[in-house]
Amino acid sequence: MLSQLSEIEAERDAAVEVAQASSGRIGLLTRLKGIGPEIATMLQLEAFFRRFANRREVAAYAGLAPIVSTG
């Protein structure tokens, strides 16, 4: 099991290195203080697949504000 985790982490780290070299979102996120490769990868896969109209929608998506009605 530990070998599988090590393999997954190695693949993630390789993807982060490629993203940093190509100025992708993961690379840009890892440049922010407090965001490492794990969180940057999760954000890329979970949050950045959709468009947000404003910062309130981003906060609502993250659970930091009430749900915004888009109707």
PDB file of N, CA and C in Angstrom:
ATOM      1  N   MET A   1       0.819  -1.193   0.000  1.00  0.00           N
ATOM      2  CA  MET A   1       0.000   0.000   0.000  1.00  0.00           C
ATOM      3  C   MET A   1       0.867   1.263   0.000  1.00  0.00           C
ATOM      4  N   LEU A   2       1.936   1.260   0.796  1.00  0.00           N
ATOM      5  CA  LEU A   2       2.814   2.427   0.825  1.00  0.00           C
ATOM      6  C   LEU A   2       3.509   2.638  -0.511  1.00  0.00           C
ATOM      7  N   SER A   3       3.791   1.552  -1.196  1.00  0.00           N
ATOM      8  CA  SER A   3       4.425   1.695  -2.505  1.00  0.00           C
ATOM      9  C   SER A   3       3.465   2.331  -3.505  1.00  0.00           C
ATOM     10  N   GLN A   4       2.174   2.015  -3.385  1.00  0.00           N
ATOM     11  CA  GLN A   4       1.172   2.631  -4.266  1.00  0.00           C
ATOM     12  C   GLN A   4       1.067   4.127  -3.987  1.00  0.00           C
ATOM     13  N   LEU A   5       1.069   4.506  -2.714  1.00  0.00           N
ATOM     14  CA  LEU A   5       1.018   5.928  -2.357  1.00  0.00           C
ATOM     15  C   LEU A   5       2.250   6.660  -2.876  1.00  0.00           C
ATOM     16  N   SER A   6       3.390   6.039  -2.729  1.00  0.00           N
ATOM     17  CA  SER A   6       4.625   6.653  -3.221  1.00  0.00           C
ATOM     18  C   SER A   6       4.577   6.848  -4.731  1.00  0.00           C
ATOM     19  N   GLU A   7       4.023   5.874  -5.429  1.00  0.00           N
ATOM     20  CA  GLU A   7       3.905   5.966  -6.889  1.00  0.00           C
ATOM     21  C   GLU A   7       2.958   7.098  -7.293  1.00  0.00           C
ATOM     22  N   ILE A   8       1.828   7.205  -6.596  1.00  0.00           N
ATOM     23  CA  ILE A   8       0.854   8.265  -6.893  1.00  0.00           C
ATOM     24  C   ILE A   8       1.460   9.634  -6.606  1.00  0.00           C
ATOM     25  N   GLU A   9       2.151   9.764  -5.483  1.00  0.00           N
ATOM     26  CA  GLU A   9       2.774  11.041  -5.143  1.00  0.00           C
ATOM     27  C   GLU A   9       3.855  11.409  -6.154  1.00  0.00           C
ATOM     28  N   ALA A  10       4.592  10.429  -6.638  1.00  0.00           N
ATOM     29  CA  ALA A  10       5.623  10.693  -7.644  1.00  0.00           C
ATOM     30  C   ALA A  10       4.992  11.184  -8.949  1.00  0.00           C
ATOM     31  N   GLU A  11       3.876  10.584  -9.345  1.00  0.00           N
ATOM     32  CA  GLU A  11       3.166  11.034 -10.551  1.00  0.00           C
ATOM     33  C   GLU A  11       2.644  12.455 -10.360  1.00  0.00           C
ATOM     34  N   ARG A  12       2.088  12.740  -9.179  1.00  0.00           N
ATOM     35  CA  ARG A  12       1.590  14.085  -8.897  1.00  0.00           C
ATOM     36  C   ARG A  12       2.716  15.096  -8.943  1.00  0.00           C
ATOM     37  N   ASP A  13       3.841  14.783  -8.318  1.00  0.00           N
ATOM     38  CA  ASP A  13       4.972  15.702  -8.301  1.00  0.00           C
ATOM     39  C   ASP A  13       5.513  15.945  -9.706  1.00  0.00           C
ATOM     40  N   ALA A  14       5.516  14.910 -10.542  1.00  0.00           N
ATOM     41  CA  ALA A  14       5.950  15.075 -11.930  1.00  0.00           C
ATOM     42  C   ALA A  14       4.996  15.989 -12.688  1.00  0.00           C
ATOM     43  N   ALA A  15       3.695  15.839 -12.442  1.00  0.00           N
ATOM     44  CA  ALA A  15       2.701  16.704 -13.090  1.00  0.00           C
ATOM     45  C   ALA A  15       2.864  18.146 -12.636  1.00  0.00           C
ATOM     46  N   VAL A  16       3.177  18.357 -11.371  1.00  0.00           N
ATOM     47  CA  VAL A  16       3.393  19.706 -10.852  1.00  0.00           C
ATOM     48  C   VAL A  16       4.615  20.335 -11.508  1.00  0.00           C
ATOM     49  N   GLU A  17       5.681  19.579 -11.658  1.00  0.00           N
ATOM     50  CA  GLU A  17       6.887  20.102 -12.302  1.00  0.00           C
ATOM     51  C   GLU A  17       6.615  20.501 -13.745  1.00  0.00           C
ATOM     52  N   VAL A  18       5.847  19.686 -14.459  1.00  0.00           N
ATOM     53  CA  VAL A  18       5.489  20.013 -15.843  1.00  0.00           C
ATOM     54  C   VAL A  18       4.622  21.273 -15.867  1.00  0.00           C
ATOM     55  N   ALA A  19       3.666  21.364 -14.946  1.00  0.00           N
ATOM     56  CA  ALA A  19       2.776  22.527 -14.902  1.00  0.00           C
ATOM     57  C   ALA A  19       3.551  23.795 -14.563  1.00  0.00           C
ATOM     58  N   GLN A  20       4.517  23.699 -13.651  1.00  0.00           N
ATOM     59  CA  GLN A  20       5.313  24.875 -13.316  1.00  0.00           C
ATOM     60  C   GLN A  20       6.141  25.328 -14.509  1.00  0.00           C
ATOM     61  N   ALA A  21       6.636  24.395 -15.270  1.00  0.00           N
ATOM     62  CA  ALA A  21       7.437  24.739 -16.438  1.00  0.00           C
ATOM     63  C   ALA A  21       6.596  25.381 -17.534  1.00  0.00           C
ATOM     64  N   SER A  22       5.338  24.980 -17.638  1.00  0.00           N
ATOM     65  CA  SER A  22       4.485  25.507 -18.703  1.00  0.00           C
ATOM     66  C   SER A  22       3.545  26.601 -18.215  1.00  0.00           C
ATOM     67  N   SER A  23       3.724  27.091 -17.006  1.00  0.00           N
ATOM     68  CA  SER A  23       2.882  28.137 -16.410  1.00  0.00           C
ATOM     69  C   SER A  23       1.414  27.733 -16.362  1.00  0.00           C
ATOM     70  N   GLY A  24       1.135  26.467 -16.085  1.00  0.00           N
ATOM     71  CA  GLY A  24      -0.236  26.000 -15.928  1.00  0.00           C
ATOM     72  C   GLY A  24      -0.803  26.424 -14.587  1.00  0.00           C
ATOM     73  N   ARG A  25      -2.061  26.133 -14.371  1.00  0.00           N
ATOM     74  CA  ARG A  25      -2.722  26.548 -13.132  1.00  0.00           C
ATOM     75  C   ARG A  25      -2.091  25.929 -11.902  1.00  0.00           C
ATOM     76  N   ILE A  26      -1.720  24.656 -11.993  1.00  0.00           N
ATOM     77  CA  ILE A  26      -1.113  24.003 -10.834  1.00  0.00           C
ATOM     78  C   ILE A  26       0.194  24.711 -10.482  1.00  0.00           C
ATOM     79  N   GLY A  27       0.974  25.026 -11.485  1.00  0.00           N
ATOM     80  CA  GLY A  27       2.228  25.730 -11.242  1.00  0.00           C
ATOM     81  C   GLY A  27       2.015  27.100 -10.630  1.00  0.00           C
ATOM     82  N   LEU A  28       1.018  27.820 -11.114  1.00  0.00           N
ATOM     83  CA  LEU A  28       0.723  29.136 -10.556  1.00  0.00           C
ATOM     84  C   LEU A  28       0.225  29.030  -9.120  1.00  0.00           C
ATOM     85  N   LEU A  29      -0.601  28.030  -8.851  1.00  0.00           N
ATOM     86  CA  LEU A  29      -1.120  27.856  -7.493  1.00  0.00           C
ATOM     87  C   LEU A  29      -0.020  27.504  -6.507  1.00  0.00           C
ATOM     88  N   THR A  30       0.936  26.686  -6.914  1.00  0.00           N
ATOM     89  CA  THR A  30       2.007  26.293  -5.989  1.00  0.00           C
ATOM     90  C   THR A  30       2.947  27.447  -5.672  1.00  0.00           C
ATOM     91  N   ARG A  31       2.898  28.498  -6.445  1.00  0.00           N
ATOM     92  CA  ARG A  31       3.702  29.687  -6.141  1.00  0.00           C
ATOM     93  C   ARG A  31       3.094  30.504  -5.012  1.00  0.00           C
ATOM     94  N   LEU A  32       1.815  30.289  -4.717  1.00  0.00           N
ATOM     95  CA  LEU A  32       1.162  31.003  -3.626  1.00  0.00           C
ATOM     96  C   LEU A  32       1.596  30.433  -2.288  1.00  0.00           C
ATOM     97  N   LYS A  33       1.751  31.303  -1.331  1.00  0.00           N
ATOM     98  CA  LYS A  33       2.161  30.877   0.003  1.00  0.00           C
ATOM     99  C   LYS A  33       1.074  30.010   0.625  1.00  0.00           C
ATOM    100  N   GLY A  34       1.441  28.873   1.150  1.00  0.00           N
ATOM    101  CA  GLY A  34       0.497  28.004   1.839  1.00  0.00           C
ATOM    102  C   GLY A  34      -0.210  26.989   0.961  1.00  0.00           C
ATOM    103  N   ILE A  35       0.047  27.004  -0.342  1.00  0.00           N
ATOM    104  CA  ILE A  35      -0.572  26.019  -1.236  1.00  0.00           C
ATOM    105  C   ILE A  35       0.526  25.135  -1.804  1.00  0.00           C
ATOM    106  N   GLY A  36       0.446  23.861  -1.472  1.00  0.00           N
ATOM    107  CA  GLY A  36       1.427  22.898  -1.952  1.00  0.00           C
ATOM    108  C   GLY A  36       0.876  22.110  -3.125  1.00  0.00           C
ATOM    109  N   PRO A  37       1.625  21.127  -3.576  1.00  0.00           N
ATOM    110  CA  PRO A  37       1.205  20.357  -4.745  1.00  0.00           C
ATOM    111  C   PRO A  37      -0.087  19.576  -4.543  1.00  0.00           C
ATOM    112  N   GLU A  38      -0.328  19.098  -3.332  1.00  0.00           N
ATOM    113  CA  GLU A  38      -1.546  18.324  -3.055  1.00  0.00           C
ATOM    114  C   GLU A  38      -2.796  19.191  -3.237  1.00  0.00           C
ATOM    115  N   ILE A  39      -2.808  20.361  -2.605  1.00  0.00           N
ATOM    116  CA  ILE A  39      -3.978  21.244  -2.685  1.00  0.00           C
ATOM    117  C   ILE A  39      -4.119  21.824  -4.094  1.00  0.00           C
ATOM    118  N   ALA A  40      -2.994  22.186  -4.714  1.00  0.00           N
ATOM    119  CA  ALA A  40      -3.049  22.741  -6.063  1.00  0.00           C
ATOM    120  C   ALA A  40      -3.640  21.741  -7.043  1.00  0.00           C
ATOM    121  N   THR A  41      -3.247  20.483  -6.922  1.00  0.00           N
ATOM    122  CA  THR A  41      -3.790  19.445  -7.797  1.00  0.00           C
ATOM    123  C   THR A  41      -5.277  19.259  -7.555  1.00  0.00           C
ATOM    124  N   MET A  42      -5.674  19.240  -6.287  1.00  0.00           N
ATOM    125  CA  MET A  42      -7.091  19.070  -5.944  1.00  0.00           C
ATOM    126  C   MET A  42      -7.921  20.232  -6.486  1.00  0.00           C
ATOM    127  N   LEU A  43      -7.425  21.451  -6.332  1.00  0.00           N
ATOM    128  CA  LEU A  43      -8.149  22.605  -6.854  1.00  0.00           C
ATOM    129  C   LEU A  43      -8.295  22.532  -8.370  1.00  0.00           C
ATOM    130  N   GLN A  44      -7.234  22.145  -9.035  1.00  0.00           N
ATOM    131  CA  GLN A  44      -7.285  22.023 -10.498  1.00  0.00           C
ATOM    132  C   GLN A  44      -8.354  21.026 -10.931  1.00  0.00           C
ATOM    133  N   LEU A  45      -8.398  19.896 -10.242  1.00  0.00           N
ATOM    134  CA  LEU A  45      -9.332  18.829 -10.639  1.00  0.00           C
ATOM    135  C   LEU A  45     -10.764  19.085 -10.188  1.00  0.00           C
ATOM    136  N   GLU A  46     -10.941  19.721  -9.032  1.00  0.00           N
ATOM    137  CA  GLU A  46     -12.271  19.851  -8.448  1.00  0.00           C
ATOM    138  C   GLU A  46     -12.935  21.201  -8.673  1.00  0.00           C
ATOM    139  N   ALA A  47     -12.169  22.276  -8.692  1.00  0.00           N
ATOM    140  CA  ALA A  47     -12.781  23.604  -8.732  1.00  0.00           C
ATOM    141  C   ALA A  47     -12.653  24.316 -10.072  1.00  0.00           C
ATOM    142  N   PHE A  48     -11.562  24.094 -10.775  1.00  0.00           N
ATOM    143  CA  PHE A  48     -11.323  24.880 -11.984  1.00  0.00           C
ATOM    144  C   PHE A  48     -11.904  24.266 -13.248  1.00  0.00           C
ATOM    145  N   PHE A  49     -12.811  23.329 -13.107  1.00  0.00           N
ATOM    146  CA  PHE A  49     -13.442  22.763 -14.292  1.00  0.00           C
ATOM    147  C   PHE A  49     -14.640  23.603 -14.720  1.00  0.00           C
ATOM    148  N   ARG A  50     -15.041  24.568 -13.917  1.00  0.00           N
ATOM    149  CA  ARG A  50     -16.192  25.413 -14.240  1.00  0.00           C
ATOM    150  C   ARG A  50     -15.805  26.882 -14.161  1.00  0.00           C
ATOM    151  N   ARG A  51     -16.650  27.708 -14.707  1.00  0.00           N
ATOM    152  CA  ARG A  51     -16.404  29.152 -14.693  1.00  0.00           C
ATOM    153  C   ARG A  51     -17.238  29.792 -13.593  1.00  0.00           C
ATOM    154  N   PHE A  52     -16.656  30.790 -12.946  1.00  0.00           N
ATOM    155  CA  PHE A  52     -17.352  31.553 -11.926  1.00  0.00           C
ATOM    156  C   PHE A  52     -17.528  32.970 -12.444  1.00  0.00           C
ATOM    157  N   ALA A  53     -18.725  33.524 -12.269  1.00  0.00           N
ATOM    158  CA  ALA A  53     -19.014  34.858 -12.778  1.00  0.00           C
ATOM    159  C   ALA A  53     -18.399  35.952 -11.902  1.00  0.00           C
ATOM    160  N   ASN A  54     -18.244  35.669 -10.609  1.00  0.00           N
ATOM    161  CA  ASN A  54     -17.688  36.670  -9.708  1.00  0.00           C
ATOM    162  C   ASN A  54     -17.116  35.994  -8.467  1.00  0.00           C
ATOM    163  N   ARG A  55     -16.529  36.794  -7.603  1.00  0.00           N
ATOM    164  CA  ARG A  55     -15.883  36.231  -6.417  1.00  0.00           C
ATOM    165  C   ARG A  55     -16.869  35.653  -5.421  1.00  0.00           C
ATOM    166  N   ARG A  56     -18.113  36.119  -5.436  1.00  0.00           N
ATOM    167  CA  ARG A  56     -19.118  35.560  -4.529  1.00  0.00           C
ATOM    168  C   ARG A  56     -19.449  34.122  -4.898  1.00  0.00           C
ATOM    169  N   GLU A  57     -19.484  33.821  -6.185  1.00  0.00           N
ATOM    170  CA  GLU A  57     -19.716  32.440  -6.608  1.00  0.00           C
ATOM    171  C   GLU A  57     -18.556  31.535  -6.197  1.00  0.00           C
ATOM    172  N   VAL A  58     -17.345  32.059  -6.243  1.00  0.00           N
ATOM    173  CA  VAL A  58     -16.185  31.281  -5.796  1.00  0.00           C
ATOM    174  C   VAL A  58     -16.306  30.999  -4.302  1.00  0.00           C
ATOM    175  N   ALA A  59     -16.668  32.010  -3.518  1.00  0.00           N
ATOM    176  CA  ALA A  59     -16.818  31.837  -2.071  1.00  0.00           C
ATOM    177  C   ALA A  59     -17.947  30.857  -1.753  1.00  0.00           C
ATOM    178  N   ALA A  60     -19.031  30.928  -2.489  1.00  0.00           N
ATOM    179  CA  ALA A  60     -20.141  29.998  -2.262  1.00  0.00           C
ATOM    180  C   ALA A  60     -19.726  28.573  -2.605  1.00  0.00           C
ATOM    181  N   TYR A  61     -18.969  28.409  -3.668  1.00  0.00           N
ATOM    182  CA  TYR A  61     -18.492  27.077  -4.060  1.00  0.00           C
ATOM    183  C   TYR A  61     -17.592  26.489  -2.980  1.00  0.00           C
ATOM    184  N   ALA A  62     -16.769  27.344  -2.377  1.00  0.00           N
ATOM    185  CA  ALA A  62     -15.841  26.890  -1.348  1.00  0.00           C
ATOM    186  C   ALA A  62     -16.508  26.736   0.014  1.00  0.00           C
ATOM    187  N   GLY A  63     -17.785  27.133   0.121  1.00  0.00           N
ATOM    188  CA  GLY A  63     -18.490  27.026   1.393  1.00  0.00           C
ATOM    189  C   GLY A  63     -18.198  28.167   2.331  1.00  0.00           C
ATOM    190  N   LEU A  64     -17.711  29.273   1.804  1.00  0.00           N
ATOM    191  CA  LEU A  64     -17.374  30.425   2.631  1.00  0.00           C
ATOM    192  C   LEU A  64     -18.455  31.482   2.648  1.00  0.00           C
ATOM    193  N   ALA A  65     -19.477  31.311   1.850  1.00  0.00           N
ATOM    194  CA  ALA A  65     -20.572  32.268   1.767  1.00  0.00           C
ATOM    195  C   ALA A  65     -21.852  31.527   1.434  1.00  0.00           C
ATOM    196  N   PRO A  66     -23.005  32.147   1.652  1.00  0.00           N
ATOM    197  CA  PRO A  66     -24.262  31.482   1.279  1.00  0.00           C
ATOM    198  C   PRO A  66     -24.303  31.210  -0.219  1.00  0.00           C
ATOM    199  N   ILE A  67     -25.110  30.253  -0.599  1.00  0.00           N
ATOM    200  CA  ILE A  67     -25.256  29.871  -2.007  1.00  0.00           C
ATOM    201  C   ILE A  67     -25.825  31.032  -2.787  1.00  0.00           C
ATOM    202  N   VAL A  68     -25.249  31.287  -3.939  1.00  0.00           N
ATOM    203  CA  VAL A  68     -25.673  32.377  -4.808  1.00  0.00           C
ATOM    204  C   VAL A  68     -26.664  31.833  -5.824  1.00  0.00           C
ATOM    205  N   SER A  69     -27.782  32.487  -5.962  1.00  0.00           N
ATOM    206  CA  SER A  69     -28.779  32.088  -6.949  1.00  0.00           C
ATOM    207  C   SER A  69     -28.368  32.642  -8.307  1.00  0.00           C
ATOM    208  N   THR A  70     -28.306  31.770  -9.316  1.00  0.00           N
ATOM    209  CA  THR A  70     -27.917  32.217 -10.661  1.00  0.00           C
ATOM    210  C   THR A  70     -29.120  32.120 -11.590  1.00  0.00           C
ATOM    211  N   GLY A  71     -30.199  32.724 -11.212  1.00  0.00           N
ATOM    212  CA  GLY A  71     -31.389  32.585 -12.026  1.00  0.00           C
ATOM    213  C   GLY A  71     -32.019  33.798 -12.435  1.00  0.00           C
TER     214      GLY A  71
END
